[in-house]
Amino acid sequence: MIFTTPSTPAISADMLIALLVFLFPLAYSPGPGNAFFAAIGASKGLRAAVPTLAGYHIATFGVTAAIGMGVTILEHPLFAKVLSAVGSLYVLWLAVTFVRAARAKGGTTADAASAGEQRVGFWAGAIVLLLNPKAYYIIAVLFTQFLRPPANDDAATVLVITVVFTLNNLVAFIVWALGGRALTALFRSERSKRWIDCLFAATLIGVAVWMAVPLFT
């Protein structure tokens, strides 16, 4: 891909609006990323989710910029299958931590303290993005729609699209994390909270299955 020096703004107002309209259903409708952060928000709260959000979206920015610049990340089909397998196993492990947290809420003080130490932090967010080949395909489709040479085939346009895509996802996932937390606020008993943790653990298992689909295609 050859990048030229743009003589016009990197992205027009009409194109920005079209980009946001394109991204809105991808980011805000129910999906694996939304479920992942809703689960963290419900179990641990938005403040605890901030490191995970940072990890996920720093990785998103890097991967999106790389694909926009022409780096082919999933050139070999076997690589995509390996990512799918490892990513699915990792998300399943996260689901187990939610189940352990749910059990601890009904156990001893020591159990509860152990559950509190099970943090889903920066690297968890980054790994979930980096081990998800479907995210790469979505980003590739994004650029085929909005990066059209020679009119806007330049680094500045790639950067703008990358920033808009990353920030749009960040806002959407914050909304879902807050929604997950609001759900737990409706059910204040410890028993209800345990059931909610189990519910979101099941949701994460669904995310793991979704990530594993390329293994069978």
Protein backbone atom coordinates (compact mmCIF):
# COMPACT_ATOMS: atom_id res chain seq x y z
CA MET A 1 0.00 0.00 0.00
CA ILE A 2 1.41 3.40 -1.01
CA PHE A 3 0.57 6.39 1.15
CA THR A 4 0.50 9.86 -0.34
CA THR A 5 0.53 13.26 1.30
CA PRO A 6 -3.11 14.38 1.51
CA SER A 7 -4.00 17.74 0.00
CA THR A 8 -7.46 17.69 1.59
CA PRO A 9 -8.62 16.89 5.15
CA ALA A 10 -7.95 13.28 6.12
CA ILE A 11 -11.66 12.58 6.41
CA SER A 12 -14.65 14.64 5.33
CA ALA A 13 -17.66 15.37 7.54
CA ASP A 14 -19.85 13.17 5.34
CA MET A 15 -17.39 10.30 5.58
CA LEU A 16 -17.11 10.71 9.36
CA ILE A 17 -20.89 10.51 9.71
CA ALA A 18 -20.99 7.44 7.47
CA LEU A 19 -18.23 5.86 9.53
CA LEU A 20 -20.06 6.46 12.80
CA VAL A 21 -23.31 5.08 11.35
CA PHE A 22 -21.40 2.01 10.16
CA LEU A 23 -19.75 1.49 13.56
CA PHE A 24 -22.77 2.15 15.78
CA PRO A 25 -24.50 -1.24 15.44
CA LEU A 26 -21.15 -3.06 15.60
CA ALA A 27 -20.21 -1.40 18.88
CA TYR A 28 -23.49 -1.01 20.76
CA SER A 29 -25.49 -4.08 19.76
CA PRO A 30 -25.01 -7.23 21.88
CA GLY A 31 -21.79 -9.01 21.04
CA PRO A 32 -18.78 -10.75 22.59
CA GLY A 33 -16.89 -7.56 23.51
CA ASN A 34 -19.98 -6.03 25.08
CA ALA A 35 -20.68 -9.20 27.04
CA PHE A 36 -17.09 -9.35 28.24
CA PHE A 37 -17.16 -5.84 29.70
CA ALA A 38 -20.72 -6.14 31.00
CA ALA A 39 -19.55 -9.18 32.96
CA ILE A 40 -16.58 -7.31 34.41
CA GLY A 41 -18.75 -4.29 35.23
CA ALA A 42 -21.36 -6.45 36.93
CA SER A 43 -18.85 -8.39 39.02
CA LYS A 44 -16.25 -5.74 39.82
CA GLY A 45 -17.57 -2.30 38.83
CA LEU A 46 -16.45 0.26 36.25
CA ARG A 47 -13.42 1.44 38.23
CA ALA A 48 -12.04 -2.09 38.37
CA ALA A 49 -12.74 -2.47 34.64
CA VAL A 50 -10.60 0.56 33.67
CA PRO A 51 -7.29 -1.38 33.35
CA THR A 52 -9.00 -4.01 31.21
CA LEU A 53 -10.59 -1.32 29.04
CA ALA A 54 -7.17 0.30 28.62
CA GLY A 55 -5.52 -2.97 27.62
CA TYR A 56 -8.24 -3.89 25.17
CA HIS A 57 -8.32 -0.53 23.44
CA ILE A 58 -4.58 0.05 23.30
CA ALA A 59 -4.40 -3.32 21.55
CA THR A 60 -7.34 -2.28 19.35
CA PHE A 61 -5.55 0.90 18.32
CA GLY A 62 -2.34 -0.96 17.48
CA VAL A 63 -4.01 -3.75 15.50
CA THR A 64 -6.32 -1.36 13.65
CA ALA A 65 -3.46 0.95 12.65
CA ALA A 66 -1.36 -2.02 11.51
CA ILE A 67 -4.14 -3.44 9.33
CA GLY A 68 -4.90 0.01 7.94
CA MET A 69 -1.25 0.44 6.98
CA GLY A 70 -1.38 -2.80 5.04
CA VAL A 71 0.01 -5.32 7.52
CA THR A 72 -1.58 -8.70 6.81
CA ILE A 73 -1.96 -10.30 10.23
CA LEU A 74 -3.98 -13.41 9.37
CA GLU A 75 -2.30 -14.32 6.09
CA HIS A 76 -1.91 -17.99 7.07
CA PRO A 77 -5.18 -19.84 7.92
CA LEU A 78 -3.39 -21.94 10.56
CA PHE A 79 -2.44 -18.78 12.44
CA ALA A 80 -6.11 -17.79 12.73
CA LYS A 81 -7.00 -21.24 14.06
CA VAL A 82 -4.22 -21.11 16.67
CA LEU A 83 -5.42 -17.67 17.81
CA SER A 84 -8.99 -18.96 18.02
CA ALA A 85 -8.00 -21.96 20.11
CA VAL A 86 -5.78 -20.06 22.55
CA GLY A 87 -8.24 -17.15 22.80
CA SER A 88 -11.17 -19.46 23.53
CA LEU A 89 -9.25 -21.27 26.25
CA TYR A 90 -8.22 -17.96 27.81
CA VAL A 91 -11.81 -16.66 27.92
CA LEU A 92 -12.94 -19.98 29.40
CA TRP A 93 -10.34 -19.46 32.13
CA LEU A 94 -11.81 -16.01 32.79
CA ALA A 95 -15.26 -17.62 33.05
CA VAL A 96 -13.86 -19.96 35.72
CA THR A 97 -12.66 -16.95 37.73
CA PHE A 98 -16.23 -15.58 37.70
CA VAL A 99 -17.57 -18.92 38.95
CA ARG A 100 -14.95 -18.93 41.73
CA ALA A 101 -15.97 -15.39 42.65
CA ALA A 102 -19.61 -16.46 42.82
CA ARG A 103 -18.75 -19.41 45.08
CA ALA A 104 -16.58 -17.21 47.30
CA LYS A 105 -19.47 -14.81 47.91
CA GLY A 106 -21.27 -17.64 49.60
CA GLY A 107 -18.20 -19.01 51.40
CA THR A 108 -15.82 -17.95 54.11
CA THR A 109 -14.09 -14.61 54.56
CA ALA A 110 -10.86 -16.17 53.27
CA ASP A 111 -12.67 -17.30 50.12
CA ALA A 112 -14.03 -13.81 49.58
CA ALA A 113 -10.58 -12.31 49.99
CA SER A 114 -9.21 -14.79 47.46
CA ALA A 115 -11.94 -13.82 45.00
CA GLY A 116 -11.11 -10.17 45.47
CA GLU A 117 -7.55 -10.90 44.38
CA GLN A 118 -8.73 -12.39 41.08
CA ARG A 119 -8.44 -9.22 39.04
CA VAL A 120 -9.12 -9.00 35.33
CA GLY A 121 -6.55 -6.35 34.44
CA PHE A 122 -4.72 -4.63 31.60
CA TRP A 123 -3.21 -7.74 30.03
CA ALA A 124 -6.51 -9.61 30.14
CA GLY A 125 -8.08 -6.90 27.98
CA ALA A 126 -5.16 -6.82 25.56
CA ILE A 127 -5.06 -10.62 25.26
CA VAL A 128 -8.80 -10.90 24.57
CA LEU A 129 -8.39 -8.54 21.60
CA LEU A 130 -5.10 -9.95 20.32
CA LEU A 131 -6.32 -13.57 20.45
CA ASN A 132 -9.57 -12.83 18.63
CA PRO A 133 -9.11 -13.32 14.86
CA LYS A 134 -12.68 -12.21 14.18
CA ALA A 135 -11.76 -8.73 15.43
CA TYR A 136 -9.08 -8.62 12.73
CA TYR A 137 -11.58 -9.54 10.04
CA ILE A 138 -14.01 -6.83 11.21
CA ILE A 139 -11.21 -4.24 11.09
CA ALA A 140 -10.22 -5.40 7.59
CA VAL A 141 -13.83 -4.97 6.41
CA LEU A 142 -13.87 -1.50 7.98
CA PHE A 143 -10.92 -0.39 5.87
CA THR A 144 -12.27 -1.91 2.67
CA GLN A 145 -15.33 0.30 3.15
CA PHE A 146 -13.64 3.57 4.13
CA LEU A 147 -10.08 3.47 2.78
CA ARG A 148 -10.40 3.78 -0.98
CA PRO A 149 -7.30 4.56 -3.03
CA PRO A 150 -6.26 6.83 -4.52
CA ALA A 151 -8.72 9.35 -3.04
CA ASN A 152 -7.89 8.79 0.65
CA ASP A 153 -5.16 6.14 0.67
CA ASP A 154 -2.89 7.92 3.16
CA ALA A 155 -1.57 7.52 6.69
CA ALA A 156 -3.62 10.45 8.03
CA THR A 157 -6.89 8.81 6.98
CA VAL A 158 -5.81 5.51 8.52
CA LEU A 159 -5.03 7.32 11.78
CA VAL A 160 -8.40 9.10 11.88
CA ILE A 161 -10.33 5.90 11.15
CA THR A 162 -8.29 4.08 13.80
CA VAL A 163 -8.95 6.75 16.44
CA VAL A 164 -12.69 6.90 15.66
CA PHE A 165 -13.01 3.12 15.70
CA THR A 166 -11.12 2.79 19.01
CA LEU A 167 -12.96 5.61 20.80
CA ASN A 168 -16.35 4.43 19.56
CA ASN A 169 -15.68 0.96 20.94
CA LEU A 170 -14.39 2.41 24.21
CA VAL A 171 -17.57 4.43 24.79
CA ALA A 172 -19.76 1.46 23.90
CA PHE A 173 -17.94 -0.88 26.28
CA ILE A 174 -18.10 1.68 29.11
CA VAL A 175 -21.87 1.85 28.56
CA TRP A 176 -22.12 -1.94 28.74
CA ALA A 177 -19.92 -2.11 31.83
CA LEU A 178 -22.17 0.45 33.53
CA GLY A 179 -25.20 -1.55 32.41
CA GLY A 180 -23.76 -4.68 33.99
CA ARG A 181 -23.12 -2.80 37.22
CA ALA A 182 -26.65 -1.38 37.18
CA LEU A 183 -27.99 -4.93 36.94
CA THR A 184 -26.20 -5.95 40.13
CA ALA A 185 -27.53 -2.83 41.86
CA LEU A 186 -31.06 -4.11 41.29
CA PHE A 187 -30.29 -7.33 43.14
CA ARG A 188 -28.56 -6.54 46.41
CA SER A 189 -28.68 -9.91 48.15
CA GLU A 190 -25.53 -12.03 48.14
CA ARG A 191 -27.45 -14.92 46.61
CA SER A 192 -28.62 -12.74 43.71
CA LYS A 193 -25.07 -11.48 43.16
CA ARG A 194 -23.81 -15.05 43.02
CA TRP A 195 -26.38 -15.90 40.38
CA ILE A 196 -25.41 -12.81 38.37
CA ASP A 197 -21.75 -13.84 38.48
CA CYS A 198 -22.74 -17.29 37.23
CA LEU A 199 -24.86 -15.71 34.50
CA PHE A 200 -21.96 -13.65 33.23
CA ALA A 201 -19.65 -16.65 33.52
CA ALA A 202 -22.04 -18.43 31.16
CA THR A 203 -21.92 -15.36 28.92
CA LEU A 204 -18.12 -15.58 28.80
CA ILE A 205 -18.41 -19.23 27.85
CA GLY A 206 -20.58 -18.05 24.96
CA VAL A 207 -17.84 -15.57 24.01
CA ALA A 208 -15.30 -18.41 24.06
CA VAL A 209 -17.51 -20.47 21.75
CA TRP A 210 -17.89 -17.47 19.41
CA MET A 211 -14.12 -17.04 19.29
CA ALA A 212 -13.69 -20.76 18.53
CA VAL A 213 -15.88 -20.71 15.43
CA PRO A 214 -12.92 -20.31 13.00
CA LEU A 215 -11.65 -23.67 14.24
CA PHE A 216 -14.58 -25.35 12.51
CA THR A 217 -14.78 -23.27 9.33
